[in-house]
Amino acid sequence: MDEVIEKIVAEAKKQVSEFGYSDQWQILSEAAQRLEDMGHEALKLEYMIEDMEGGEE
């Protein structure tokens, strides 16, 4: 898992390196928000699956 995170962070740094610091902050903040949203969605889906599997027993 750590390897995946390191790859994502390294790619993000690479992609914003040509921007000024204010723009880097804005881009990385937006990316962080989107990743957080994706994480929340993944948790919701995980719990939905668990609820569905638990309801079938």
Protein backbone atom coordinates (compact mmCIF):
# COMPACT_ATOMS: atom_id res chain seq x y z
CA MET A 1 0.00 0.00 0.00
CA ASP A 2 2.82 2.42 0.88
CA GLU A 3 4.38 1.88 -2.54
CA VAL A 4 1.18 2.99 -4.27
CA ILE A 5 0.94 6.10 -2.08
CA GLU A 6 4.59 6.99 -2.77
CA LYS A 7 3.99 6.67 -6.52
CA ILE A 8 0.94 8.92 -6.35
CA VAL A 9 2.78 11.55 -4.29
CA ALA A 10 5.85 11.43 -6.56
CA GLU A 11 3.70 11.87 -9.66
CA ALA A 12 1.80 14.76 -8.06
CA LYS A 13 5.09 16.51 -7.21
CA LYS A 14 6.34 15.97 -10.75
CA GLN A 15 3.16 17.33 -12.30
CA VAL A 16 3.12 20.55 -10.25
CA SER A 17 6.86 21.26 -10.27
CA GLU A 18 6.62 23.81 -13.09
CA PHE A 19 3.95 25.87 -11.31
CA GLY A 20 4.48 28.63 -8.75
CA TYR A 21 3.96 27.82 -5.09
CA SER A 22 0.46 29.32 -4.90
CA ASP A 23 -0.63 27.34 -7.93
CA GLN A 24 0.98 24.19 -6.51
CA TRP A 25 -1.00 24.67 -3.32
CA GLN A 26 -4.23 25.14 -5.25
CA ILE A 27 -3.65 22.10 -7.48
CA LEU A 28 -2.54 19.84 -4.64
CA SER A 29 -5.39 20.98 -2.39
CA GLU A 30 -7.91 20.18 -5.11
CA ALA A 31 -6.27 16.80 -5.73
CA ALA A 32 -6.32 16.07 -1.99
CA GLN A 33 -10.03 16.89 -1.81
CA ARG A 34 -10.80 14.65 -4.77
CA LEU A 35 -8.76 11.79 -3.29
CA GLU A 36 -10.56 12.22 0.02
CA ASP A 37 -13.90 12.10 -1.78
CA MET A 38 -12.79 8.93 -3.57
CA GLY A 39 -11.79 7.42 -0.22
CA HIS A 40 -15.18 8.22 1.28
CA GLU A 41 -16.90 6.69 -1.73
CA ALA A 42 -14.78 3.54 -1.40
CA LEU A 43 -15.77 3.22 2.27
CA LYS A 44 -19.44 3.67 1.42
CA LEU A 45 -19.19 0.96 -1.23
CA GLU A 46 -17.35 -1.34 1.19
CA TYR A 47 -20.07 -0.94 3.81
CA MET A 48 -22.81 -1.40 1.21
CA ILE A 49 -21.22 -4.68 0.13
CA GLU A 50 -20.86 -5.82 3.75
CA ASP A 51 -24.50 -4.91 4.44
CA MET A 52 -25.67 -6.78 1.36
CA GLU A 53 -23.58 -9.83 2.18
CA GLY A 54 -24.73 -9.76 5.80
CA GLY A 55 -28.37 -9.46 4.74
CA GLU A 56 -28.21 -12.55 2.54
CA GLU A 57 -27.19 -14.94 5.29
